């Protein structure tokens, strides 16, 4: 009989195999295609197969090498990130993108006990600014923002200056 030497690897291996099986099950109805003409099922099935392979490697490792026991799952970070994402999804339409992102960041960073407030606020402001620039300005997504038109106008003028400098 096999003796489990690494319960953590056993758990990870079983989880990977389960995820791979679920991926193959849901991808089985998609057209597979070939390497030259990939169908919509090609990538999910290959990815699921690779994940299952990783799971089997973890399972073999769990009975051959000594490893740590399964650690206690820290619920605080999981719940804080989940609450932050729910807050963002619920409030983005009513209070706009920037405040919703700032609130999401503040809530999600509370998952760590040693969160520094100044760093958290800087991160929240930078994420809000970067999200407006990336999603609203560069990608043209229709997001409800406070500052989208101002930032968009700024980058349009900046782009015009750069373009005119290159042409000169």
N, C-alpha and C. Protein backbone atom coordinates (compact mmCIF):
# COMPACT_ATOMS: atom_id res chain seq x y z
N UNK A 1 0.84 -1.18 0.00
CA UNK A 1 0.00 0.00 0.00
C UNK A 1 0.89 1.25 0.00
N UNK A 2 0.48 2.25 -0.76
CA UNK A 2 1.24 3.49 -0.85
C UNK A 2 1.03 4.34 0.40
N UNK A 3 2.13 4.94 0.85
CA UNK A 3 2.05 5.83 1.99
C UNK A 3 2.27 7.26 1.49
N UNK A 4 1.38 8.15 1.87
CA UNK A 4 1.48 9.54 1.45
C UNK A 4 2.53 10.24 2.31
N UNK A 5 3.57 10.75 1.63
CA UNK A 5 4.64 11.44 2.33
C UNK A 5 4.47 12.95 2.30
N UNK A 6 3.65 13.44 1.37
CA UNK A 6 3.42 14.88 1.24
C UNK A 6 1.94 15.15 1.01
N UNK A 7 1.19 15.35 2.09
CA UNK A 7 -0.26 15.60 1.93
C UNK A 7 -0.58 16.83 1.08
N UNK A 8 0.28 17.85 1.14
CA UNK A 8 0.05 19.07 0.36
C UNK A 8 0.12 18.77 -1.14
N UNK A 9 1.11 17.97 -1.55
CA UNK A 9 1.21 17.59 -2.96
C UNK A 9 0.06 16.68 -3.38
N UNK A 10 -0.41 15.83 -2.48
CA UNK A 10 -1.56 14.98 -2.79
C UNK A 10 -2.79 15.83 -3.05
N UNK A 11 -3.04 16.80 -2.18
CA UNK A 11 -4.19 17.69 -2.36
C UNK A 11 -4.10 18.50 -3.64
N UNK A 12 -2.91 19.04 -3.92
CA UNK A 12 -2.72 19.83 -5.14
C UNK A 12 -2.89 18.94 -6.38
N UNK A 13 -2.33 17.74 -6.34
CA UNK A 13 -2.45 16.83 -7.48
C UNK A 13 -3.90 16.46 -7.76
N UNK A 14 -4.64 16.14 -6.71
CA UNK A 14 -6.06 15.79 -6.90
C UNK A 14 -6.85 16.98 -7.45
N UNK A 15 -6.54 18.18 -6.97
CA UNK A 15 -7.22 19.38 -7.46
C UNK A 15 -6.91 19.63 -8.93
N UNK A 16 -5.64 19.51 -9.32
CA UNK A 16 -5.25 19.70 -10.72
C UNK A 16 -5.92 18.68 -11.63
N UNK A 17 -5.94 17.43 -11.20
CA UNK A 17 -6.58 16.39 -12.02
C UNK A 17 -8.08 16.69 -12.16
N UNK A 18 -8.72 17.11 -11.08
CA UNK A 18 -10.13 17.44 -11.12
C UNK A 18 -10.39 18.61 -12.07
N UNK A 19 -9.58 19.67 -11.98
CA UNK A 19 -9.75 20.83 -12.86
C UNK A 19 -9.55 20.43 -14.32
N UNK A 20 -8.53 19.60 -14.58
CA UNK A 20 -8.29 19.12 -15.95
C UNK A 20 -9.45 18.30 -16.48
N UNK A 21 -10.00 17.43 -15.65
CA UNK A 21 -11.15 16.61 -16.08
C UNK A 21 -12.37 17.48 -16.38
N UNK A 22 -12.60 18.49 -15.55
CA UNK A 22 -13.73 19.39 -15.78
C UNK A 22 -13.53 20.16 -17.09
N UNK A 23 -12.29 20.63 -17.33
CA UNK A 23 -12.00 21.34 -18.58
C UNK A 23 -12.22 20.47 -19.81
N UNK A 24 -11.79 19.23 -19.75
CA UNK A 24 -11.99 18.32 -20.88
C UNK A 24 -13.47 18.01 -21.05
N UNK A 25 -14.19 17.84 -19.94
CA UNK A 25 -15.62 17.55 -20.03
C UNK A 25 -16.37 18.70 -20.72
N UNK A 26 -16.08 19.94 -20.32
CA UNK A 26 -16.79 21.07 -20.92
C UNK A 26 -16.27 21.42 -22.31
N UNK A 27 -15.07 20.98 -22.64
CA UNK A 27 -14.52 21.26 -23.96
C UNK A 27 -14.79 20.18 -24.98
N UNK A 28 -15.38 19.06 -24.55
CA UNK A 28 -15.56 17.93 -25.46
C UNK A 28 -16.55 18.20 -26.59
N UNK A 29 -17.47 19.10 -26.39
CA UNK A 29 -18.46 19.40 -27.43
C UNK A 29 -17.96 20.43 -28.44
N UNK A 30 -16.83 21.05 -28.16
CA UNK A 30 -16.27 22.04 -29.07
C UNK A 30 -15.48 21.35 -30.18
N UNK A 31 -15.45 21.95 -31.34
CA UNK A 31 -14.69 21.40 -32.46
C UNK A 31 -13.21 21.47 -32.13
N UNK A 32 -12.52 20.33 -32.24
CA UNK A 32 -11.12 20.26 -31.86
C UNK A 32 -10.20 20.87 -32.92
N UNK A 33 -10.35 20.46 -34.16
CA UNK A 33 -9.50 20.97 -35.23
C UNK A 33 -8.15 20.27 -35.23
N UNK A 34 -7.15 20.96 -35.73
CA UNK A 34 -5.79 20.41 -35.77
C UNK A 34 -4.81 21.52 -35.41
N UNK A 35 -3.53 21.17 -35.38
CA UNK A 35 -2.51 22.18 -35.08
C UNK A 35 -2.49 23.28 -36.12
N UNK A 36 -2.77 22.91 -37.36
CA UNK A 36 -2.74 23.89 -38.44
C UNK A 36 -4.02 24.73 -38.48
N UNK A 37 -5.16 24.12 -38.19
CA UNK A 37 -6.45 24.82 -38.20
C UNK A 37 -7.15 24.54 -36.87
N UNK A 38 -6.76 25.28 -35.86
CA UNK A 38 -7.29 25.04 -34.51
C UNK A 38 -8.75 25.41 -34.42
N UNK A 39 -9.51 24.52 -33.79
CA UNK A 39 -10.91 24.80 -33.52
C UNK A 39 -11.04 25.42 -32.14
N UNK A 40 -12.24 25.79 -31.74
CA UNK A 40 -12.43 26.41 -30.43
C UNK A 40 -12.14 25.47 -29.26
N UNK A 41 -12.11 24.16 -29.50
CA UNK A 41 -11.83 23.21 -28.42
C UNK A 41 -10.37 22.84 -28.30
N UNK A 42 -9.55 23.23 -29.26
CA UNK A 42 -8.14 22.83 -29.29
C UNK A 42 -7.39 23.30 -28.04
N UNK A 43 -7.43 24.60 -27.79
CA UNK A 43 -6.67 25.16 -26.66
C UNK A 43 -7.21 24.68 -25.31
N UNK A 44 -8.53 24.70 -25.06
CA UNK A 44 -9.00 24.24 -23.74
C UNK A 44 -8.66 22.78 -23.47
N UNK A 45 -8.73 21.94 -24.49
CA UNK A 45 -8.44 20.53 -24.25
C UNK A 45 -6.95 20.32 -23.99
N UNK A 46 -6.09 20.99 -24.76
CA UNK A 46 -4.65 20.87 -24.51
C UNK A 46 -4.29 21.43 -23.14
N UNK A 47 -4.84 22.57 -22.80
CA UNK A 47 -4.56 23.18 -21.49
C UNK A 47 -5.02 22.26 -20.36
N UNK A 48 -6.19 21.69 -20.51
CA UNK A 48 -6.72 20.77 -19.49
C UNK A 48 -5.85 19.52 -19.38
N UNK A 49 -5.35 19.04 -20.51
CA UNK A 49 -4.47 17.87 -20.50
C UNK A 49 -3.16 18.20 -19.79
N UNK A 50 -2.61 19.38 -20.04
CA UNK A 50 -1.37 19.79 -19.36
C UNK A 50 -1.61 19.93 -17.86
N UNK A 51 -2.74 20.50 -17.48
CA UNK A 51 -3.07 20.64 -16.06
C UNK A 51 -3.20 19.27 -15.40
N UNK A 52 -3.83 18.34 -16.11
CA UNK A 52 -3.93 16.98 -15.57
C UNK A 52 -2.55 16.34 -15.43
N UNK A 53 -1.67 16.57 -16.40
CA UNK A 53 -0.31 16.04 -16.32
C UNK A 53 0.42 16.59 -15.10
N UNK A 54 0.25 17.88 -14.85
CA UNK A 54 0.86 18.48 -13.66
C UNK A 54 0.29 17.84 -12.40
N UNK A 55 -1.00 17.54 -12.43
CA UNK A 55 -1.63 16.88 -11.28
C UNK A 55 -1.06 15.50 -11.04
N UNK A 56 -0.83 14.74 -12.12
CA UNK A 56 -0.25 13.41 -11.96
C UNK A 56 1.18 13.49 -11.43
N UNK A 57 1.93 14.50 -11.87
CA UNK A 57 3.29 14.70 -11.35
C UNK A 57 3.22 14.98 -9.85
N UNK A 58 2.29 15.81 -9.42
CA UNK A 58 2.13 16.11 -7.99
C UNK A 58 1.72 14.87 -7.22
N UNK A 59 0.86 14.04 -7.80
CA UNK A 59 0.43 12.81 -7.13
C UNK A 59 1.61 11.86 -6.93
N UNK A 60 2.45 11.71 -7.96
CA UNK A 60 3.63 10.84 -7.84
C UNK A 60 4.58 11.42 -6.80
N UNK A 61 4.75 12.73 -6.83
CA UNK A 61 5.62 13.40 -5.86
C UNK A 61 5.12 13.20 -4.43
N UNK A 62 3.80 13.14 -4.26
CA UNK A 62 3.23 13.02 -2.91
C UNK A 62 3.55 11.68 -2.25
N UNK A 63 3.83 10.66 -3.05
CA UNK A 63 4.14 9.35 -2.45
C UNK A 63 5.64 9.04 -2.51
N UNK A 64 6.43 9.90 -3.15
CA UNK A 64 7.86 9.62 -3.25
C UNK A 64 8.72 10.57 -2.41
N UNK A 65 8.32 11.82 -2.28
CA UNK A 65 9.13 12.80 -1.55
C UNK A 65 8.40 13.29 -0.31
N UNK A 66 9.17 13.53 0.75
CA UNK A 66 8.58 14.09 1.97
C UNK A 66 8.22 15.54 1.72
N UNK A 67 7.10 15.96 2.29
CA UNK A 67 6.67 17.33 2.11
C UNK A 67 5.85 17.79 3.29
N UNK A 68 5.43 19.06 3.25
CA UNK A 68 4.69 19.62 4.38
C UNK A 68 3.25 19.11 4.43
N UNK A 69 2.64 19.18 5.60
CA UNK A 69 1.21 18.83 5.69
C UNK A 69 0.37 19.93 5.06
N UNK A 70 -0.89 19.66 4.89
CA UNK A 70 -1.80 20.67 4.33
C UNK A 70 -1.98 21.78 5.36
N UNK A 71 -1.69 22.98 4.94
CA UNK A 71 -1.75 24.13 5.84
C UNK A 71 -3.19 24.61 6.01
N UNK A 72 -3.43 25.31 7.09
CA UNK A 72 -4.74 25.90 7.34
C UNK A 72 -5.00 26.99 6.30
N UNK A 73 -6.19 27.03 5.76
CA UNK A 73 -6.54 28.01 4.74
C UNK A 73 -6.83 29.35 5.41
N UNK A 74 -6.08 30.40 5.04
CA UNK A 74 -6.34 31.72 5.65
C UNK A 74 -7.60 32.34 5.02
N UNK A 75 -8.64 32.48 5.80
CA UNK A 75 -9.91 32.98 5.28
C UNK A 75 -9.94 34.50 5.13
N UNK A 76 -9.21 35.21 5.96
CA UNK A 76 -9.27 36.68 5.92
C UNK A 76 -8.89 37.24 4.54
N UNK A 77 -7.76 36.86 3.94
CA UNK A 77 -7.43 37.41 2.62
C UNK A 77 -8.46 37.02 1.55
N UNK A 78 -8.94 35.82 1.59
CA UNK A 78 -9.91 35.36 0.60
C UNK A 78 -11.20 36.17 0.72
N UNK A 79 -11.68 36.33 1.93
CA UNK A 79 -12.93 37.08 2.14
C UNK A 79 -12.77 38.56 1.80
N UNK A 80 -11.62 39.14 2.11
CA UNK A 80 -11.40 40.56 1.81
C UNK A 80 -11.34 40.81 0.31
N UNK A 81 -10.64 39.95 -0.42
CA UNK A 81 -10.58 40.12 -1.87
C UNK A 81 -11.97 39.90 -2.48
N UNK A 82 -12.67 38.89 -2.01
CA UNK A 82 -14.02 38.62 -2.51
C UNK A 82 -14.94 39.81 -2.22
N UNK A 83 -14.87 40.36 -1.01
CA UNK A 83 -15.71 41.52 -0.65
C UNK A 83 -15.33 42.74 -1.50
N UNK A 84 -14.04 42.92 -1.78
CA UNK A 84 -13.62 44.04 -2.61
C UNK A 84 -14.15 43.94 -4.02
N UNK A 85 -14.08 42.74 -4.59
CA UNK A 85 -14.59 42.55 -5.96
C UNK A 85 -16.10 42.74 -6.01
N UNK A 86 -16.81 42.20 -5.02
CA UNK A 86 -18.27 42.40 -4.97
C UNK A 86 -18.62 43.88 -4.83
N UNK A 87 -17.89 44.59 -4.00
CA UNK A 87 -18.12 46.02 -3.81
C UNK A 87 -17.93 46.77 -5.12
N UNK A 88 -16.82 46.45 -5.83
CA UNK A 88 -16.57 47.09 -7.12
C UNK A 88 -17.70 46.81 -8.10
N UNK A 89 -18.09 45.56 -8.22
CA UNK A 89 -19.14 45.20 -9.17
C UNK A 89 -20.47 45.85 -8.85
N UNK A 90 -20.76 46.01 -7.58
CA UNK A 90 -22.03 46.60 -7.17
C UNK A 90 -22.03 48.12 -7.34
N UNK A 91 -20.90 48.78 -7.10
CA UNK A 91 -20.86 50.24 -7.06
C UNK A 91 -20.35 50.92 -8.32
N UNK A 92 -19.75 50.19 -9.25
CA UNK A 92 -19.12 50.85 -10.39
C UNK A 92 -20.11 51.67 -11.21
N UNK A 93 -21.33 51.24 -11.34
CA UNK A 93 -22.32 51.98 -12.11
C UNK A 93 -22.84 53.20 -11.37
N UNK A 94 -22.92 53.12 -10.05
CA UNK A 94 -23.53 54.22 -9.30
C UNK A 94 -22.53 55.30 -8.89
N UNK A 95 -21.34 54.90 -8.43
CA UNK A 95 -20.39 55.93 -7.98
C UNK A 95 -19.23 56.12 -8.95
N UNK A 96 -19.25 55.45 -10.10
CA UNK A 96 -18.26 55.57 -11.17
C UNK A 96 -17.02 54.71 -10.90
N UNK A 97 -16.17 54.64 -11.91
CA UNK A 97 -15.02 53.73 -11.92
C UNK A 97 -13.98 54.05 -10.84
N UNK A 98 -13.54 55.28 -10.78
CA UNK A 98 -12.43 55.62 -9.89
C UNK A 98 -12.75 55.37 -8.42
N UNK A 99 -13.86 55.89 -7.88
CA UNK A 99 -14.14 55.62 -6.46
C UNK A 99 -14.40 54.13 -6.18
N UNK A 100 -15.01 53.44 -7.13
CA UNK A 100 -15.25 52.01 -6.93
C UNK A 100 -13.93 51.24 -6.87
N UNK A 101 -12.97 51.61 -7.73
CA UNK A 101 -11.65 50.96 -7.69
C UNK A 101 -10.91 51.28 -6.39
N UNK A 102 -11.02 52.52 -5.96
CA UNK A 102 -10.34 52.91 -4.71
C UNK A 102 -10.94 52.12 -3.54
N UNK A 103 -12.26 52.03 -3.47
CA UNK A 103 -12.90 51.24 -2.40
C UNK A 103 -12.52 49.78 -2.49
N UNK A 104 -12.52 49.22 -3.70
CA UNK A 104 -12.15 47.82 -3.88
C UNK A 104 -10.74 47.58 -3.36
N UNK A 105 -9.81 48.46 -3.69
CA UNK A 105 -8.43 48.29 -3.25
C UNK A 105 -8.32 48.40 -1.73
N UNK A 106 -9.01 49.35 -1.14
CA UNK A 106 -8.97 49.52 0.31
C UNK A 106 -9.52 48.28 1.01
N UNK A 107 -10.62 47.74 0.51
CA UNK A 107 -11.22 46.56 1.13
C UNK A 107 -10.34 45.33 0.93
N UNK A 108 -9.85 45.14 -0.29
CA UNK A 108 -9.06 43.94 -0.60
C UNK A 108 -7.73 43.92 0.15
N UNK A 109 -7.12 45.09 0.35
CA UNK A 109 -5.82 45.12 1.04
C UNK A 109 -5.96 44.90 2.54
N UNK A 110 -7.16 44.90 3.06
CA UNK A 110 -7.36 44.63 4.49
C UNK A 110 -7.17 43.16 4.82
N UNK A 111 -6.95 42.34 3.80
CA UNK A 111 -6.68 40.92 4.02
C UNK A 111 -5.35 40.68 4.70
N UNK A 112 -4.45 41.63 4.57
CA UNK A 112 -3.16 41.53 5.26
C UNK A 112 -3.23 42.27 6.58
N UNK A 113 -2.62 41.71 7.59
CA UNK A 113 -2.65 42.36 8.90
C UNK A 113 -1.70 43.54 8.97
N UNK A 114 -0.64 43.52 8.18
CA UNK A 114 0.37 44.58 8.24
C UNK A 114 0.26 45.57 7.10
N UNK A 115 -0.96 45.87 6.68
CA UNK A 115 -1.18 46.82 5.59
C UNK A 115 -0.81 48.23 6.04
N UNK A 116 0.02 48.89 5.24
CA UNK A 116 0.39 50.27 5.53
C UNK A 116 -0.58 51.18 4.79
N UNK A 117 -1.23 52.07 5.53
CA UNK A 117 -2.30 52.90 4.99
C UNK A 117 -1.82 53.81 3.86
N UNK A 118 -0.65 54.41 4.01
CA UNK A 118 -0.14 55.31 2.99
C UNK A 118 0.12 54.56 1.68
N UNK A 119 0.74 53.39 1.76
CA UNK A 119 1.00 52.59 0.56
C UNK A 119 -0.30 52.12 -0.08
N UNK A 120 -1.28 51.77 0.75
CA UNK A 120 -2.57 51.31 0.25
C UNK A 120 -3.26 52.43 -0.54
N UNK A 121 -3.23 53.64 -0.02
CA UNK A 121 -3.87 54.76 -0.72
C UNK A 121 -3.15 55.11 -2.01
N UNK A 122 -1.83 55.06 -2.00
CA UNK A 122 -1.07 55.31 -3.23
C UNK A 122 -1.40 54.24 -4.27
N UNK A 123 -1.45 52.99 -3.85
CA UNK A 123 -1.81 51.90 -4.76
C UNK A 123 -3.21 52.11 -5.32
N UNK A 124 -4.15 52.48 -4.47
CA UNK A 124 -5.54 52.67 -4.92
C UNK A 124 -5.63 53.80 -5.94
N UNK A 125 -4.96 54.91 -5.68
CA UNK A 125 -4.99 56.04 -6.62
C UNK A 125 -4.31 55.68 -7.95
N UNK A 126 -3.17 55.00 -7.87
CA UNK A 126 -2.47 54.60 -9.10
C UNK A 126 -3.30 53.60 -9.91
N UNK A 127 -3.98 52.68 -9.22
CA UNK A 127 -4.84 51.72 -9.94
C UNK A 127 -6.00 52.42 -10.61
N UNK A 128 -6.60 53.39 -9.93
CA UNK A 128 -7.71 54.12 -10.53
C UNK A 128 -7.25 54.89 -11.76
N UNK A 129 -6.12 55.58 -11.64
CA UNK A 129 -5.59 56.35 -12.77
C UNK A 129 -5.22 55.43 -13.93
N UNK A 130 -4.49 54.36 -13.63
CA UNK A 130 -4.06 53.43 -14.68
C UNK A 130 -5.25 52.76 -15.35
N UNK A 131 -6.28 52.44 -14.59
CA UNK A 131 -7.46 51.80 -15.18
C UNK A 131 -8.18 52.74 -16.14
N UNK A 132 -8.29 54.01 -15.77
CA UNK A 132 -8.92 54.97 -16.67
C UNK A 132 -8.09 55.11 -17.94
N UNK A 133 -6.77 55.23 -17.79
CA UNK A 133 -5.92 55.38 -18.97
C UNK A 133 -6.00 54.15 -19.86
N UNK A 134 -5.86 52.97 -19.27
CA UNK A 134 -5.84 51.73 -20.07
C UNK A 134 -7.20 51.44 -20.69
N UNK A 135 -8.24 51.39 -19.86
CA UNK A 135 -9.53 50.91 -20.36
C UNK A 135 -10.35 51.98 -21.08
N UNK A 136 -10.34 53.20 -20.57
CA UNK A 136 -11.18 54.24 -21.17
C UNK A 136 -10.45 54.93 -22.31
N UNK A 137 -9.21 55.36 -22.07
CA UNK A 137 -8.49 56.14 -23.07
C UNK A 137 -7.92 55.25 -24.17
N UNK A 138 -7.11 54.26 -23.80
CA UNK A 138 -6.42 53.45 -24.80
C UNK A 138 -7.33 52.42 -25.49
N UNK A 139 -8.14 51.73 -24.70
CA UNK A 139 -8.99 50.69 -25.28
C UNK A 139 -10.38 51.19 -25.67
N UNK A 140 -10.73 52.39 -25.25
CA UNK A 140 -12.01 52.98 -25.64
C UNK A 140 -13.23 52.30 -25.06
N UNK A 141 -13.09 51.69 -23.88
CA UNK A 141 -14.22 51.03 -23.23
C UNK A 141 -15.19 52.06 -22.68
N UNK A 142 -16.47 51.78 -22.78
CA UNK A 142 -17.49 52.69 -22.26
C UNK A 142 -17.68 52.41 -20.77
N UNK A 143 -16.85 53.06 -19.96
CA UNK A 143 -16.92 52.88 -18.51
C UNK A 143 -17.40 54.19 -17.89
N UNK A 144 -18.23 54.11 -16.86
CA UNK A 144 -18.68 55.34 -16.20
C UNK A 144 -17.56 55.91 -15.33
N UNK A 145 -16.98 57.04 -15.75
CA UNK A 145 -15.86 57.62 -15.00
C UNK A 145 -16.16 59.06 -14.61
N UNK A 146 -15.42 59.54 -13.64
CA UNK A 146 -15.46 60.95 -13.29
C UNK A 146 -14.51 61.73 -14.18
N UNK A 147 -13.35 61.14 -14.42
CA UNK A 147 -12.27 61.89 -15.04
C UNK A 147 -11.94 61.44 -16.46
N UNK A 148 -12.69 60.52 -17.02
CA UNK A 148 -12.36 59.96 -18.32
C UNK A 148 -12.18 60.99 -19.42
N UNK A 149 -13.10 61.97 -19.49
CA UNK A 149 -12.99 62.97 -20.56
C UNK A 149 -11.80 63.89 -20.35
N UNK A 150 -11.45 64.19 -19.09
CA UNK A 150 -10.29 65.04 -18.83
C UNK A 150 -8.99 64.33 -19.18
N UNK A 151 -8.88 63.08 -18.73
CA UNK A 151 -7.68 62.30 -19.02
C UNK A 151 -7.58 62.03 -20.50
N UNK A 152 -8.72 61.72 -21.14
CA UNK A 152 -8.72 61.47 -22.57
C UNK A 152 -8.27 62.71 -23.34
N UNK A 153 -8.76 63.88 -22.95
CA UNK A 153 -8.35 65.12 -23.61
C UNK A 153 -6.86 65.38 -23.40
N UNK A 154 -6.35 65.11 -22.20
CA UNK A 154 -4.94 65.31 -21.92
C UNK A 154 -4.08 64.41 -22.81
N UNK A 155 -4.44 63.12 -22.91
CA UNK A 155 -3.64 62.21 -23.72
C UNK A 155 -3.80 62.50 -25.22
N UNK A 156 -4.95 62.99 -25.64
CA UNK A 156 -5.11 63.37 -27.05
C UNK A 156 -4.19 64.54 -27.39
N UNK A 157 -4.11 65.54 -26.50
CA UNK A 157 -3.22 66.67 -26.73
C UNK A 157 -1.76 66.23 -26.67
N UNK A 158 -1.43 65.35 -25.74
CA UNK A 158 -0.07 64.83 -25.64
C UNK A 158 0.31 64.07 -26.91
N UNK A 159 -0.60 63.24 -27.40
CA UNK A 159 -0.36 62.48 -28.63
C UNK A 159 -0.18 63.41 -29.83
N UNK A 160 -0.98 64.47 -29.90
CA UNK A 160 -0.85 65.44 -30.98
C UNK A 160 0.51 66.14 -30.93
N UNK A 161 0.97 66.48 -29.72
CA UNK A 161 2.29 67.09 -29.57
C UNK A 161 3.41 66.15 -30.01
N UNK A 162 3.30 64.89 -29.61
CA UNK A 162 4.31 63.90 -30.00
C UNK A 162 4.31 63.69 -31.51
N UNK A 163 3.11 63.58 -32.07
CA UNK A 163 2.99 63.38 -33.53
C UNK A 163 3.55 64.56 -34.29
N UNK A 164 3.26 65.77 -33.84
CA UNK A 164 3.76 66.96 -34.55
C UNK A 164 5.28 67.09 -34.40
N UNK A 165 5.81 66.65 -33.27
CA UNK A 165 7.27 66.71 -33.06
C UNK A 165 7.98 65.70 -33.95
N UNK A 166 7.38 64.56 -34.18
CA UNK A 166 7.97 63.55 -35.06
C UNK A 166 7.93 64.02 -36.50
N UNK A 167 6.88 64.72 -36.90
CA UNK A 167 6.73 65.20 -38.26
C UNK A 167 7.64 66.38 -38.57
N UNK A 168 8.06 67.11 -37.55
CA UNK A 168 8.88 68.31 -37.76
C UNK A 168 10.33 67.98 -38.04
